[in-house]
N, C-alpha and C. Protein backbone atom coordinates (compact mmCIF):
# COMPACT_ATOMS: atom_id res chain seq x y z
N MET A 1 -19.47 -3.15 10.50
CA MET A 1 -19.27 -4.45 10.93
C MET A 1 -18.28 -5.23 10.03
N VAL A 2 -17.16 -5.94 10.55
CA VAL A 2 -16.48 -6.59 9.42
C VAL A 2 -16.81 -7.90 9.51
N GLU A 3 -16.90 -8.51 8.20
CA GLU A 3 -17.37 -9.87 8.04
C GLU A 3 -16.26 -10.66 7.20
N ARG A 4 -16.55 -11.85 7.01
CA ARG A 4 -15.48 -12.70 6.28
C ARG A 4 -15.42 -12.39 5.07
N GLY A 5 -14.11 -11.90 4.59
CA GLY A 5 -13.80 -11.49 3.12
C GLY A 5 -13.87 -10.04 2.97
N LYS A 6 -14.09 -9.28 4.01
CA LYS A 6 -14.00 -7.98 4.08
C LYS A 6 -13.19 -7.36 5.16
N ILE A 7 -12.27 -6.34 4.91
CA ILE A 7 -11.62 -5.66 6.03
C ILE A 7 -11.40 -4.25 5.84
N VAL A 8 -11.17 -3.60 6.79
CA VAL A 8 -10.81 -2.20 6.75
C VAL A 8 -9.30 -1.89 6.61
N LEU A 9 -8.94 -1.33 5.64
CA LEU A 9 -7.67 -1.20 5.27
C LEU A 9 -7.28 0.31 5.42
N ALA A 10 -7.21 0.76 6.91
CA ALA A 10 -6.96 2.00 7.30
C ALA A 10 -5.37 2.33 7.70
N GLU A 11 -4.85 3.46 7.20
CA GLU A 11 -3.40 3.73 7.71
C GLU A 11 -3.60 5.08 8.38
N PHE A 12 -2.68 5.06 9.44
CA PHE A 12 -2.84 6.16 10.36
C PHE A 12 -1.49 7.03 10.27
N ALA A 13 -1.44 8.41 10.57
CA ALA A 13 -0.36 9.03 10.76
C ALA A 13 0.02 9.23 12.27
N TYR A 14 1.04 10.00 12.59
CA TYR A 14 1.26 10.24 13.89
C TYR A 14 0.14 11.06 14.70
N GLY A 15 -0.29 10.63 15.86
CA GLY A 15 -1.31 11.33 16.50
C GLY A 15 -2.70 10.64 16.16
N GLY A 16 -2.86 9.64 15.37
CA GLY A 16 -4.07 8.82 15.08
C GLY A 16 -4.73 9.66 14.07
N LYS A 17 -4.27 10.36 13.27
CA LYS A 17 -4.85 11.01 12.10
C LYS A 17 -4.91 10.14 10.99
N LEU A 18 -6.03 9.75 10.27
CA LEU A 18 -6.20 8.80 9.19
C LEU A 18 -5.64 9.42 8.10
N LEU A 19 -4.62 8.78 7.49
CA LEU A 19 -3.76 9.08 6.34
C LEU A 19 -3.86 8.03 5.44
N PRO A 20 -4.93 8.20 4.34
CA PRO A 20 -4.96 7.06 3.36
C PRO A 20 -4.04 7.22 2.26
N THR A 21 -3.60 5.95 1.83
CA THR A 21 -2.48 5.95 0.68
C THR A 21 -3.58 5.87 -0.80
N PHE A 22 -4.49 5.03 -0.68
CA PHE A 22 -5.36 5.05 -1.68
C PHE A 22 -6.39 6.08 -1.91
N PRO A 23 -6.89 6.46 -3.09
CA PRO A 23 -7.88 7.39 -2.97
C PRO A 23 -9.22 6.83 -2.37
N THR A 24 -10.03 7.60 -1.80
CA THR A 24 -11.14 7.04 -1.08
C THR A 24 -12.42 6.53 -2.07
N TRP A 25 -12.08 6.93 -3.50
CA TRP A 25 -13.23 6.25 -4.21
C TRP A 25 -12.70 4.92 -4.71
N ILE A 26 -11.40 4.47 -4.53
CA ILE A 26 -10.98 3.08 -4.48
C ILE A 26 -11.16 2.25 -3.38
N ILE A 27 -10.60 2.74 -2.23
CA ILE A 27 -10.83 2.00 -0.96
C ILE A 27 -11.03 3.20 0.10
N ASP A 28 -12.17 3.06 0.80
CA ASP A 28 -12.59 3.95 1.82
C ASP A 28 -11.96 3.35 3.13
N GLY A 29 -11.16 4.01 3.84
CA GLY A 29 -10.55 3.48 5.06
C GLY A 29 -11.51 3.54 6.15
N THR A 30 -12.74 3.82 6.06
CA THR A 30 -13.58 3.90 7.18
C THR A 30 -14.61 2.84 7.12
N LYS A 31 -14.57 2.02 6.00
CA LYS A 31 -15.61 0.94 5.56
C LYS A 31 -15.07 -0.34 5.34
N PRO A 32 -15.57 -1.42 5.66
CA PRO A 32 -14.93 -2.79 5.25
C PRO A 32 -15.26 -2.94 3.78
N SER A 33 -14.39 -3.44 3.06
CA SER A 33 -14.52 -3.83 1.54
C SER A 33 -13.75 -5.04 1.27
N SER A 34 -14.19 -5.71 0.19
CA SER A 34 -13.67 -7.01 -0.29
C SER A 34 -12.51 -6.69 -1.06
N LEU A 35 -12.42 -5.44 -1.69
CA LEU A 35 -11.19 -5.05 -2.54
C LEU A 35 -10.06 -4.87 -1.39
N ALA A 36 -10.39 -4.23 -0.36
CA ALA A 36 -9.20 -4.16 0.90
C ALA A 36 -8.62 -5.36 1.33
N TRP A 37 -9.50 -6.46 1.47
CA TRP A 37 -9.29 -7.81 1.76
C TRP A 37 -8.44 -8.58 0.69
N TYR A 38 -8.76 -8.42 -0.49
CA TYR A 38 -7.87 -8.83 -1.68
C TYR A 38 -6.54 -8.38 -1.71
N LEU A 39 -6.46 -6.96 -1.38
CA LEU A 39 -5.10 -6.21 -1.39
C LEU A 39 -4.22 -7.03 -0.33
N LYS A 40 -4.95 -7.05 0.67
CA LYS A 40 -4.17 -7.29 2.05
C LYS A 40 -3.73 -8.70 2.05
N SER A 41 -4.58 -9.68 1.25
CA SER A 41 -4.07 -11.08 1.33
C SER A 41 -3.41 -11.48 0.22
N GLU A 42 -3.65 -10.91 -1.12
CA GLU A 42 -3.21 -11.42 -2.17
C GLU A 42 -1.94 -10.49 -2.94
N VAL A 43 -2.15 -9.19 -2.85
CA VAL A 43 -1.31 -8.34 -3.57
C VAL A 43 -0.21 -7.62 -2.80
N LEU A 44 -0.55 -7.28 -1.54
CA LEU A 44 0.44 -6.77 -0.78
C LEU A 44 1.66 -7.72 -0.17
N PRO A 45 1.36 -8.96 0.19
CA PRO A 45 2.53 -9.71 0.57
C PRO A 45 3.51 -10.08 -0.53
N PRO A 46 3.18 -10.41 -1.90
CA PRO A 46 4.23 -10.58 -2.69
C PRO A 46 5.00 -9.17 -3.03
N ASN A 47 4.07 -8.17 -2.93
CA ASN A 47 4.97 -6.92 -3.19
C ASN A 47 5.90 -6.58 -2.11
N TYR A 48 5.56 -7.05 -0.75
CA TYR A 48 6.51 -6.88 0.12
C TYR A 48 7.73 -7.74 0.11
N TRP A 49 7.47 -9.02 -0.05
CA TRP A 49 8.56 -10.09 -0.11
C TRP A 49 9.39 -9.80 -1.46
N HIS A 50 8.74 -9.71 -2.56
CA HIS A 50 9.67 -9.77 -3.78
C HIS A 50 10.10 -8.40 -4.26
N GLY A 51 9.32 -7.24 -3.70
CA GLY A 51 9.64 -6.15 -4.12
C GLY A 51 10.46 -5.09 -3.04
N MET A 52 9.88 -4.98 -1.96
CA MET A 52 10.56 -4.03 -0.95
C MET A 52 11.65 -4.50 -0.33
N LEU A 53 11.77 -5.73 0.04
CA LEU A 53 12.74 -6.62 0.52
C LEU A 53 14.03 -6.72 -0.24
N THR A 54 13.77 -6.72 -1.68
CA THR A 54 14.95 -6.79 -2.54
C THR A 54 15.26 -5.38 -3.20
N SER A 55 14.81 -4.39 -2.39
CA SER A 55 15.03 -3.00 -2.88
C SER A 55 14.53 -2.53 -4.50
N LEU A 56 13.62 -3.33 -4.84
CA LEU A 56 13.06 -3.08 -6.06
C LEU A 56 11.93 -2.01 -6.04
N GLU A 57 12.10 -0.88 -6.80
CA GLU A 57 11.20 0.41 -6.86
C GLU A 57 10.63 0.46 -8.15
N TRP A 58 9.27 0.09 -8.32
CA TRP A 58 8.74 0.17 -9.66
C TRP A 58 8.22 1.54 -10.14
N LEU A 59 8.12 2.39 -9.41
CA LEU A 59 7.43 3.72 -9.68
C LEU A 59 8.60 4.69 -9.99
N VAL A 60 9.80 4.31 -9.78
CA VAL A 60 10.88 5.46 -9.99
C VAL A 60 11.93 4.75 -10.92
N SER A 61 12.45 5.70 -11.60
CA SER A 61 13.69 5.28 -12.60
C SER A 61 14.84 5.66 -12.18
N PRO A 62 15.94 4.82 -12.12
CA PRO A 62 17.29 5.13 -11.52
C PRO A 62 17.96 6.33 -12.23
N GLU A 63 18.55 7.23 -11.37
CA GLU A 63 19.32 8.49 -11.95
C GLU A 63 20.70 7.76 -12.46
N MET A 64 21.09 8.39 -13.53
CA MET A 64 22.36 8.14 -14.13
C MET A 64 23.34 9.05 -13.30
N LYS A 65 24.62 8.28 -12.92
CA LYS A 65 25.49 9.03 -12.20
C LYS A 65 26.20 10.04 -13.05
N LYS A 66 26.42 11.35 -12.71
CA LYS A 66 27.37 11.99 -13.65
C LYS A 66 28.78 11.99 -13.48
N GLU A 67 29.40 11.90 -14.18
CA GLU A 67 31.07 11.89 -13.93
C GLU A 67 31.67 13.34 -13.63
N VAL A 68 32.36 13.31 -12.77
CA VAL A 68 32.97 14.61 -12.31
C VAL A 68 34.39 14.46 -12.79
N ALA A 69 34.71 15.60 -13.58
CA ALA A 69 36.05 15.73 -14.23
C ALA A 69 36.96 16.32 -13.38
């Protein structure tokens, strides 16, 4: 049962197979949790609007272009 302040944060692959991004010990995609609600309401929207839409990638470093002689 989903209640106020708790949601199920589930991600699916093609064919309806459950494909979680987070480890199940952090967020279990089969059970409602308040951490999933907090991520969905407070963390993911700013990440989307200020990170993804501006092409900012936090987990990778840019490669230096090699000059061709």
